[in-house]
Amino acid sequence: MVKDKEHYILYVLNNEFPEADIKEDKFVYNRYDAYNNRTIIEVKDRDTFYENTMIEFDKFSYNLLFAKTINKTFLYVVKMKNTIYIFNITKMHRLKYDFKWHWRKLPKSTEFDQSYDVKKFVGYVNIDSCSRRIEL
């Protein structure tokens, strides 16, 4: 389920690409936030700018395989500062992009008051690897 900040990102995407007709996924426990007839989309709103922004392997692997299974593309959309970066993870994976996967201790969740640390397998996508940028 999409949070308020992510609603804004979807609003911007639909204004920028009206033909895309992006819809919010309403299932609370889904691993992606939005979809249309060609893509599934994971949306992140980061308070801090990172040249290499993190992607969790569990979301990466599930969404990549799910998108392939239903013949769609997996997009990772990240807003940082006044820019939205759109990464075509399906294409990056096909081109053998080096996500630099490794284990890292991170908070279990950014919500639900679960502030203790757990080990997560994570990688990174460099902003220069985005397929589109939207300046806000």
N, C-alpha and C. Protein backbone atom coordinates (compact mmCIF):
# COMPACT_ATOMS: atom_id res chain seq x y z
N MET A 1 0.84 -1.18 0.00
CA MET A 1 0.00 0.00 0.00
C MET A 1 0.89 1.25 0.00
N VAL A 2 0.52 2.19 -0.77
CA VAL A 2 1.33 3.38 -0.99
C VAL A 2 1.12 4.42 0.11
N LYS A 3 2.23 5.02 0.55
CA LYS A 3 2.18 6.09 1.55
C LYS A 3 1.94 7.43 0.86
N ASP A 4 1.64 8.46 1.64
CA ASP A 4 1.32 9.79 1.08
C ASP A 4 2.42 10.32 0.15
N LYS A 5 3.68 10.23 0.57
CA LYS A 5 4.77 10.72 -0.26
C LYS A 5 4.84 9.96 -1.58
N GLU A 6 4.54 8.67 -1.53
CA GLU A 6 4.57 7.85 -2.74
C GLU A 6 3.38 8.16 -3.65
N HIS A 7 2.26 8.57 -3.06
CA HIS A 7 1.11 9.02 -3.86
C HIS A 7 1.52 10.18 -4.75
N TYR A 8 2.28 11.09 -4.17
CA TYR A 8 2.74 12.25 -4.93
C TYR A 8 3.60 11.82 -6.12
N ILE A 9 4.50 10.87 -5.89
CA ILE A 9 5.38 10.37 -6.95
C ILE A 9 4.54 9.75 -8.07
N LEU A 10 3.54 8.95 -7.72
CA LEU A 10 2.67 8.35 -8.73
C LEU A 10 1.89 9.43 -9.49
N TYR A 11 1.47 10.46 -8.77
CA TYR A 11 0.78 11.58 -9.40
C TYR A 11 1.68 12.25 -10.45
N VAL A 12 2.94 12.49 -10.08
CA VAL A 12 3.89 13.10 -11.01
C VAL A 12 4.11 12.18 -12.22
N LEU A 13 4.29 10.90 -11.99
CA LEU A 13 4.50 9.96 -13.10
C LEU A 13 3.31 9.96 -14.06
N ASN A 14 2.10 9.97 -13.51
CA ASN A 14 0.92 9.97 -14.38
C ASN A 14 0.76 11.29 -15.13
N ASN A 15 1.21 12.40 -14.53
CA ASN A 15 1.18 13.68 -15.25
C ASN A 15 2.25 13.72 -16.34
N GLU A 16 3.41 13.17 -16.05
CA GLU A 16 4.51 13.17 -17.00
C GLU A 16 4.26 12.18 -18.16
N PHE A 17 3.63 11.05 -17.83
CA PHE A 17 3.37 10.00 -18.82
C PHE A 17 1.89 9.60 -18.74
N PRO A 18 0.97 10.47 -19.17
CA PRO A 18 -0.47 10.16 -19.01
C PRO A 18 -0.89 8.88 -19.71
N GLU A 19 -0.22 8.54 -20.80
CA GLU A 19 -0.56 7.31 -21.52
C GLU A 19 -0.22 6.05 -20.72
N ALA A 20 0.64 6.18 -19.71
CA ALA A 20 1.06 5.02 -18.91
C ALA A 20 -0.06 4.51 -18.01
N ASP A 21 -0.95 5.40 -17.58
CA ASP A 21 -2.09 5.00 -16.74
C ASP A 21 -1.66 4.12 -15.56
N ILE A 22 -0.77 4.66 -14.75
CA ILE A 22 -0.22 3.93 -13.60
C ILE A 22 -1.26 3.91 -12.48
N LYS A 23 -1.45 2.71 -11.94
CA LYS A 23 -2.43 2.53 -10.86
C LYS A 23 -1.72 2.07 -9.59
N GLU A 24 -2.19 2.57 -8.47
CA GLU A 24 -1.68 2.11 -7.17
C GLU A 24 -2.14 0.68 -6.93
N ASP A 25 -1.24 -0.16 -6.43
CA ASP A 25 -1.63 -1.51 -6.02
C ASP A 25 -2.18 -1.41 -4.61
N LYS A 26 -3.39 -1.86 -4.40
CA LYS A 26 -4.07 -1.69 -3.11
C LYS A 26 -3.80 -2.82 -2.11
N PHE A 27 -3.17 -3.90 -2.54
CA PHE A 27 -2.90 -5.03 -1.65
C PHE A 27 -1.78 -4.64 -0.68
N VAL A 28 -2.08 -4.59 0.60
CA VAL A 28 -1.17 -4.07 1.62
C VAL A 28 0.19 -4.77 1.63
N TYR A 29 0.22 -6.07 1.44
CA TYR A 29 1.46 -6.82 1.60
C TYR A 29 2.17 -7.13 0.28
N ASN A 30 1.79 -6.47 -0.79
CA ASN A 30 2.47 -6.70 -2.05
C ASN A 30 3.88 -6.14 -2.00
N ARG A 31 4.75 -6.64 -2.85
CA ARG A 31 6.15 -6.20 -2.85
C ARG A 31 6.40 -5.12 -3.87
N TYR A 32 5.38 -4.65 -4.53
CA TYR A 32 5.50 -3.51 -5.42
C TYR A 32 4.35 -2.57 -5.11
N ASP A 33 4.46 -1.32 -5.56
CA ASP A 33 3.51 -0.28 -5.17
C ASP A 33 2.50 0.08 -6.24
N ALA A 34 2.87 -0.11 -7.50
CA ALA A 34 2.00 0.33 -8.59
C ALA A 34 2.22 -0.54 -9.81
N TYR A 35 1.33 -0.37 -10.79
CA TYR A 35 1.42 -1.19 -12.00
C TYR A 35 0.65 -0.52 -13.14
N ASN A 36 0.88 -1.02 -14.33
CA ASN A 36 0.03 -0.73 -15.48
C ASN A 36 0.08 -1.96 -16.38
N ASN A 37 -0.34 -1.83 -17.61
CA ASN A 37 -0.40 -3.03 -18.45
C ASN A 37 0.98 -3.50 -18.92
N ARG A 38 2.05 -2.71 -18.69
CA ARG A 38 3.39 -3.09 -19.12
C ARG A 38 4.41 -3.25 -17.98
N THR A 39 4.11 -2.68 -16.82
CA THR A 39 5.13 -2.63 -15.76
C THR A 39 4.56 -2.90 -14.37
N ILE A 40 5.47 -3.31 -13.49
CA ILE A 40 5.21 -3.24 -12.05
C ILE A 40 6.26 -2.27 -11.51
N ILE A 41 5.88 -1.51 -10.48
CA ILE A 41 6.71 -0.39 -10.04
C ILE A 41 6.85 -0.41 -8.51
N GLU A 42 8.08 -0.36 -8.08
CA GLU A 42 8.40 -0.16 -6.66
C GLU A 42 8.80 1.30 -6.51
N VAL A 43 8.20 2.00 -5.54
CA VAL A 43 8.42 3.43 -5.36
C VAL A 43 9.08 3.69 -4.00
N LYS A 44 10.10 4.54 -4.01
CA LYS A 44 10.77 4.96 -2.77
C LYS A 44 10.89 6.47 -2.75
N ASP A 45 10.70 7.05 -1.58
CA ASP A 45 10.93 8.47 -1.37
C ASP A 45 12.00 8.58 -0.30
N ARG A 46 13.17 9.00 -0.69
CA ARG A 46 14.30 9.09 0.24
C ARG A 46 14.46 10.53 0.72
N ASP A 47 14.66 10.70 2.03
CA ASP A 47 14.88 12.02 2.60
C ASP A 47 16.27 12.55 2.28
N THR A 48 17.19 11.63 2.05
CA THR A 48 18.58 11.99 1.79
C THR A 48 18.94 11.62 0.35
N PHE A 49 19.78 12.42 -0.27
CA PHE A 49 20.25 12.12 -1.62
C PHE A 49 21.41 11.13 -1.55
N TYR A 50 21.33 10.09 -2.37
CA TYR A 50 22.40 9.10 -2.49
C TYR A 50 22.72 8.93 -3.97
N GLU A 51 23.98 9.08 -4.33
CA GLU A 51 24.37 8.85 -5.72
C GLU A 51 24.16 7.38 -6.09
N ASN A 52 24.38 6.51 -5.11
CA ASN A 52 24.11 5.08 -5.25
C ASN A 52 23.00 4.74 -4.27
N THR A 53 21.80 4.58 -4.80
CA THR A 53 20.66 4.35 -3.93
C THR A 53 20.40 2.85 -3.76
N MET A 54 20.02 2.46 -2.56
CA MET A 54 19.90 1.06 -2.19
C MET A 54 18.63 0.42 -2.74
N ILE A 55 18.77 -0.87 -3.07
CA ILE A 55 17.63 -1.71 -3.42
C ILE A 55 17.81 -3.03 -2.66
N GLU A 56 16.76 -3.46 -1.98
CA GLU A 56 16.82 -4.70 -1.22
C GLU A 56 16.66 -5.89 -2.16
N PHE A 57 17.47 -6.91 -1.93
CA PHE A 57 17.47 -8.06 -2.81
C PHE A 57 16.13 -8.79 -2.81
N ASP A 58 15.45 -8.85 -1.67
CA ASP A 58 14.18 -9.56 -1.65
C ASP A 58 13.15 -8.91 -2.58
N LYS A 59 13.10 -7.58 -2.59
CA LYS A 59 12.19 -6.89 -3.52
C LYS A 59 12.68 -7.01 -4.95
N PHE A 60 13.99 -6.87 -5.15
CA PHE A 60 14.58 -7.01 -6.47
C PHE A 60 14.24 -8.37 -7.07
N SER A 61 14.55 -9.43 -6.34
CA SER A 61 14.41 -10.78 -6.89
C SER A 61 12.94 -11.15 -7.09
N TYR A 62 12.10 -10.85 -6.12
CA TYR A 62 10.68 -11.16 -6.26
C TYR A 62 10.07 -10.40 -7.43
N ASN A 63 10.28 -9.10 -7.48
CA ASN A 63 9.65 -8.27 -8.52
C ASN A 63 10.21 -8.58 -9.91
N LEU A 64 11.48 -8.88 -9.99
CA LEU A 64 12.07 -9.24 -11.28
C LEU A 64 11.44 -10.54 -11.80
N LEU A 65 11.36 -11.55 -10.94
CA LEU A 65 10.78 -12.83 -11.35
C LEU A 65 9.28 -12.69 -11.61
N PHE A 66 8.57 -11.97 -10.75
CA PHE A 66 7.13 -11.79 -10.94
C PHE A 66 6.86 -11.06 -12.26
N ALA A 67 7.61 -10.00 -12.52
CA ALA A 67 7.43 -9.25 -13.78
C ALA A 67 7.66 -10.17 -14.98
N LYS A 68 8.70 -10.97 -14.92
CA LYS A 68 8.98 -11.89 -16.03
C LYS A 68 7.84 -12.90 -16.19
N THR A 69 7.34 -13.41 -15.08
CA THR A 69 6.27 -14.40 -15.10
C THR A 69 5.00 -13.86 -15.75
N ILE A 70 4.70 -12.58 -15.51
CA ILE A 70 3.47 -12.00 -16.07
C ILE A 70 3.77 -11.12 -17.30
N ASN A 71 4.98 -11.27 -17.83
CA ASN A 71 5.38 -10.58 -19.06
C ASN A 71 5.31 -9.05 -18.94
N LYS A 72 5.89 -8.55 -17.84
CA LYS A 72 5.97 -7.11 -17.62
C LYS A 72 7.40 -6.72 -17.31
N THR A 73 7.64 -5.44 -17.19
CA THR A 73 8.94 -4.87 -16.84
C THR A 73 8.89 -4.38 -15.40
N PHE A 74 9.99 -4.55 -14.68
CA PHE A 74 10.09 -4.07 -13.30
C PHE A 74 10.84 -2.75 -13.27
N LEU A 75 10.13 -1.69 -12.82
CA LEU A 75 10.73 -0.37 -12.66
C LEU A 75 10.90 -0.05 -11.18
N TYR A 76 12.03 0.55 -10.86
CA TYR A 76 12.32 1.01 -9.50
C TYR A 76 12.37 2.53 -9.59
N VAL A 77 11.46 3.20 -8.89
CA VAL A 77 11.32 4.66 -8.98
C VAL A 77 11.68 5.26 -7.63
N VAL A 78 12.69 6.14 -7.64
CA VAL A 78 13.20 6.71 -6.40
C VAL A 78 13.19 8.23 -6.50
N LYS A 79 12.54 8.89 -5.52
CA LYS A 79 12.58 10.34 -5.43
C LYS A 79 13.60 10.73 -4.37
N MET A 80 14.54 11.59 -4.77
CA MET A 80 15.51 12.14 -3.83
C MET A 80 15.64 13.63 -4.15
N LYS A 81 15.57 14.44 -3.11
CA LYS A 81 15.58 15.90 -3.27
C LYS A 81 14.48 16.29 -4.26
N ASN A 82 14.82 16.99 -5.33
CA ASN A 82 13.83 17.47 -6.28
C ASN A 82 13.87 16.71 -7.60
N THR A 83 14.24 15.44 -7.53
CA THR A 83 14.34 14.64 -8.74
C THR A 83 13.77 13.26 -8.51
N ILE A 84 13.05 12.76 -9.51
CA ILE A 84 12.58 11.38 -9.51
C ILE A 84 13.43 10.63 -10.53
N TYR A 85 14.02 9.51 -10.08
CA TYR A 85 14.86 8.67 -10.93
C TYR A 85 14.09 7.39 -11.23
N ILE A 86 14.04 7.02 -12.51
CA ILE A 86 13.34 5.80 -12.92
C ILE A 86 14.39 4.82 -13.44
N PHE A 87 14.47 3.68 -12.77
CA PHE A 87 15.42 2.63 -13.14
C PHE A 87 14.65 1.45 -13.73
N ASN A 88 15.07 1.01 -14.91
CA ASN A 88 14.47 -0.17 -15.53
C ASN A 88 15.29 -1.36 -15.06
N ILE A 89 14.86 -1.95 -13.96
CA ILE A 89 15.61 -3.04 -13.35
C ILE A 89 15.66 -4.26 -14.26
N THR A 90 14.58 -4.53 -14.98
CA THR A 90 14.56 -5.66 -15.91
C THR A 90 15.69 -5.50 -16.94
N LYS A 91 15.81 -4.33 -17.52
CA LYS A 91 16.84 -4.08 -18.52
C LYS A 91 18.24 -4.10 -17.89
N MET A 92 18.38 -3.50 -16.73
CA MET A 92 19.69 -3.48 -16.06
C MET A 92 20.16 -4.90 -15.77
N HIS A 93 19.25 -5.75 -15.31
CA HIS A 93 19.59 -7.14 -15.03
C HIS A 93 19.99 -7.87 -16.31
N ARG A 94 19.21 -7.66 -17.37
CA ARG A 94 19.51 -8.29 -18.66
C ARG A 94 20.90 -7.88 -19.17
N LEU A 95 21.28 -6.62 -18.92
CA LEU A 95 22.58 -6.11 -19.36
C LEU A 95 23.70 -6.41 -18.34
N LYS A 96 23.37 -7.22 -17.33
CA LYS A 96 24.33 -7.66 -16.31
C LYS A 96 24.92 -6.51 -15.49
N TYR A 97 24.08 -5.56 -15.13
CA TYR A 97 24.48 -4.45 -14.26
C TYR A 97 25.02 -5.01 -12.94
N ASP A 98 26.08 -4.42 -12.44
CA ASP A 98 26.67 -4.85 -11.17
C ASP A 98 26.00 -4.09 -10.03
N PHE A 99 25.09 -4.76 -9.35
CA PHE A 99 24.38 -4.14 -8.23
C PHE A 99 25.20 -4.13 -6.94
N LYS A 100 26.36 -4.77 -6.96
CA LYS A 100 27.26 -4.82 -5.80
C LYS A 100 26.55 -5.40 -4.56
N TRP A 101 25.92 -6.54 -4.74
CA TRP A 101 25.17 -7.19 -3.65
C TRP A 101 26.07 -7.53 -2.48
N HIS A 102 25.57 -7.28 -1.27
CA HIS A 102 26.30 -7.64 -0.05
C HIS A 102 25.34 -7.60 1.14
N TRP A 103 25.79 -8.19 2.24
CA TRP A 103 25.01 -8.18 3.48
C TRP A 103 25.30 -6.90 4.24
N ARG A 104 24.24 -6.36 4.86
CA ARG A 104 24.40 -5.12 5.63
C ARG A 104 23.40 -5.13 6.79
N LYS A 105 23.83 -4.62 7.94
CA LYS A 105 22.93 -4.49 9.08
C LYS A 105 22.11 -3.21 8.92
N LEU A 106 20.78 -3.37 8.92
CA LEU A 106 19.88 -2.24 8.71
C LEU A 106 18.66 -2.40 9.61
N PRO A 107 17.91 -1.32 9.81
CA PRO A 107 16.67 -1.44 10.59
C PRO A 107 15.73 -2.45 9.93
N LYS A 108 15.06 -3.25 10.74
CA LYS A 108 14.12 -4.26 10.22
C LYS A 108 13.10 -3.62 9.30
N SER A 109 12.59 -2.47 9.70
CA SER A 109 11.57 -1.79 8.91
C SER A 109 11.63 -0.31 9.21
N THR A 110 11.19 0.49 8.27
CA THR A 110 11.11 1.94 8.51
C THR A 110 9.75 2.31 9.05
N GLU A 111 8.90 1.32 9.22
CA GLU A 111 7.57 1.57 9.75
C GLU A 111 7.22 0.49 10.77
N PHE A 112 6.05 0.55 11.33
CA PHE A 112 5.54 -0.44 12.30
C PHE A 112 6.36 -0.49 13.58
N ASP A 113 7.11 0.56 13.91
CA ASP A 113 7.90 0.64 15.14
C ASP A 113 8.87 -0.54 15.30
N GLN A 114 9.39 -1.06 14.23
CA GLN A 114 10.36 -2.15 14.29
C GLN A 114 11.74 -1.56 14.05
N SER A 115 12.34 -1.02 15.10
CA SER A 115 13.58 -0.26 14.93
C SER A 115 14.84 -1.07 15.20
N TYR A 116 14.72 -2.36 15.47
CA TYR A 116 15.93 -3.14 15.71
C TYR A 116 16.58 -3.54 14.37
N ASP A 117 17.88 -3.82 14.43
CA ASP A 117 18.64 -4.11 13.21
C ASP A 117 18.59 -5.60 12.86
N VAL A 118 18.61 -5.86 11.55
CA VAL A 118 18.72 -7.21 11.02
C VAL A 118 19.69 -7.16 9.84
N LYS A 119 20.22 -8.32 9.45
CA LYS A 119 21.07 -8.37 8.27
C LYS A 119 20.19 -8.46 7.04
N LYS A 120 20.47 -7.61 6.05
CA LYS A 120 19.72 -7.62 4.79
C LYS A 120 20.72 -7.71 3.64
N PHE A 121 20.32 -8.41 2.60
CA PHE A 121 21.13 -8.51 1.39
C PHE A 121 20.68 -7.36 0.49
N VAL A 122 21.58 -6.43 0.21
CA VAL A 122 21.23 -5.22 -0.53
C VAL A 122 22.22 -4.96 -1.66
N GLY A 123 21.77 -4.17 -2.61
CA GLY A 123 22.61 -3.71 -3.69
C GLY A 123 22.35 -2.23 -3.93
N TYR A 124 22.97 -1.69 -4.96
CA TYR A 124 22.86 -0.26 -5.23
C TYR A 124 22.69 -0.01 -6.72
N VAL A 125 21.93 1.04 -7.04
CA VAL A 125 21.83 1.52 -8.41
C VAL A 125 22.32 2.96 -8.43
N ASN A 126 23.23 3.23 -9.34
CA ASN A 126 23.79 4.57 -9.46
C ASN A 126 22.82 5.45 -10.24
N ILE A 127 22.66 6.69 -9.82
CA ILE A 127 21.70 7.58 -10.48
C ILE A 127 22.01 7.77 -11.96
N ASP A 128 23.26 7.62 -12.36
CA ASP A 128 23.62 7.74 -13.78
C ASP A 128 23.08 6.57 -14.60
N SER A 129 22.62 5.52 -13.94
CA SER A 129 22.07 4.34 -14.62
C SER A 129 20.56 4.41 -14.80
N CYS A 130 19.97 5.51 -14.40
CA CYS A 130 18.52 5.62 -14.53
C CYS A 130 18.14 5.76 -16.01
N SER A 131 16.96 5.27 -16.34
CA SER A 131 16.50 5.37 -17.73
C SER A 131 15.79 6.70 -17.99
N ARG A 132 15.24 7.29 -16.94
CA ARG A 132 14.58 8.61 -17.04
C ARG A 132 14.77 9.36 -15.73
N ARG A 133 14.76 10.69 -15.84
CA ARG A 133 14.80 11.60 -14.68
C ARG A 133 13.69 12.61 -14.85
N ILE A 134 13.05 12.91 -13.76
CA ILE A 134 12.03 13.95 -13.77
C ILE A 134 12.43 14.99 -12.73
N GLU A 135 12.74 16.18 -13.19
CA GLU A 135 13.08 17.29 -12.29
C GLU A 135 11.78 17.89 -11.78
N LEU A 136 11.70 18.09 -10.48
CA LEU A 136 10.48 18.65 -9.88
C LEU A 136 10.61 20.15 -9.66
